[in-house]
Amino acid sequence: GPNGSVQAPHLTVSVFARGLLIRLATRIYFDDEAGNAQDPVLALVPAERRGTLIARRSADGVFRFDIRLQGEGETVFFDV
């Protein structure tokens, strides 16, 4: 991470779609990772928007992560 800091486990995702002129980049963090609290990149995101980057584990053990391109709960995207 920045300045050699340790980052929480995450996936980096790029979104390409018809009508988008640029690639959208985001991250997927996992709700059961203790390291999320110290992740330097996640800390840059306003607290009220961090939830859009967190995959949640369901009762059957499968993670769910929805990407929303606009509107309420719009996923946080990063400049690349």
Protein backbone atom coordinates (compact mmCIF):
# COMPACT_ATOMS: atom_id res chain seq x y z
CA GLY A 1 0.00 0.00 0.00
CA PRO A 2 0.96 3.66 0.17
CA ASN A 3 4.33 4.15 1.89
CA GLY A 4 4.71 0.40 2.38
CA SER A 5 1.55 0.03 4.48
CA VAL A 6 -0.28 -3.29 4.65
CA GLN A 7 -3.63 -3.49 2.87
CA ALA A 8 -6.62 -5.64 3.76
CA PRO A 9 -7.37 -8.53 1.39
CA HIS A 10 -9.34 -7.21 -1.58
CA LEU A 11 -10.00 -7.68 -5.27
CA THR A 12 -9.40 -4.92 -7.79
CA VAL A 13 -12.12 -4.77 -10.45
CA SER A 14 -12.40 -2.88 -13.73
CA VAL A 15 -15.79 -2.27 -15.32
CA PHE A 16 -16.15 -1.91 -19.09
CA ALA A 17 -19.56 -1.42 -20.65
CA ARG A 18 -21.19 -0.06 -23.76
CA GLY A 19 -21.70 3.67 -23.35
CA LEU A 20 -18.84 4.13 -20.89
CA LEU A 21 -16.04 6.23 -22.34
CA ILE A 22 -13.55 5.23 -19.67
CA ARG A 23 -12.80 2.15 -17.59
CA LEU A 24 -14.19 2.29 -14.06
CA ALA A 25 -12.00 0.88 -11.29
CA THR A 26 -13.14 -0.21 -7.86
CA ARG A 27 -12.20 -2.62 -5.11
CA ILE A 28 -14.05 -5.39 -3.33
CA TYR A 29 -13.28 -5.85 0.36
CA PHE A 30 -14.74 -8.66 2.49
CA ASP A 31 -16.92 -8.01 5.52
CA ASP A 32 -15.18 -10.58 7.72
CA GLU A 33 -11.65 -9.12 7.38
CA ALA A 34 -10.31 -7.44 10.51
CA GLY A 35 -7.73 -5.61 8.36
CA ASN A 36 -10.42 -3.43 6.78
CA ALA A 37 -10.23 -1.07 9.75
CA GLN A 38 -6.57 -0.26 9.01
CA ASP A 39 -6.62 -0.38 5.20
CA PRO A 40 -5.12 2.91 3.94
CA VAL A 41 -7.12 3.03 0.70
CA LEU A 42 -10.45 2.16 2.33
CA ALA A 43 -9.74 4.88 4.91
CA LEU A 44 -9.66 7.47 2.10
CA VAL A 45 -13.33 6.75 1.31
CA PRO A 46 -15.89 8.71 3.37
CA ALA A 47 -17.34 6.46 6.08
CA GLU A 48 -20.88 6.74 4.69
CA ARG A 49 -19.72 5.37 1.29
CA ARG A 50 -17.41 2.54 2.42
CA GLY A 51 -20.26 0.05 2.45
CA THR A 52 -20.37 0.19 -1.36
CA LEU A 53 -16.96 -1.52 -1.39
CA ILE A 54 -17.79 -4.35 1.03
CA ALA A 55 -18.89 -7.81 -0.10
CA ARG A 56 -21.19 -9.40 2.46
CA ARG A 57 -21.25 -13.10 3.28
CA SER A 58 -24.71 -14.66 3.19
CA ALA A 59 -25.95 -17.47 5.44
CA ASP A 60 -24.85 -20.07 2.87
CA GLY A 61 -21.27 -18.70 2.94
CA VAL A 62 -21.37 -17.02 -0.48
CA PHE A 63 -20.20 -13.41 -0.78
CA ARG A 64 -22.44 -10.90 -2.57
CA PHE A 65 -21.22 -7.67 -4.12
CA ASP A 66 -23.36 -5.45 -6.34
CA ILE A 67 -21.85 -2.79 -8.58
CA ARG A 68 -24.13 0.22 -9.00
CA LEU A 69 -23.12 2.66 -11.70
CA GLN A 70 -25.35 5.49 -10.52
CA GLY A 71 -28.05 6.47 -8.07
CA GLU A 72 -28.56 5.53 -4.46
CA GLY A 73 -25.74 3.34 -3.17
CA GLU A 74 -23.55 4.09 -6.20
CA THR A 75 -20.32 2.11 -5.96
CA VAL A 76 -17.19 4.12 -5.19
CA PHE A 77 -14.88 4.24 -8.22
CA PHE A 78 -11.22 5.27 -8.15
CA ASP A 79 -9.17 7.32 -10.59
CA VAL A 80 -6.55 5.16 -12.26
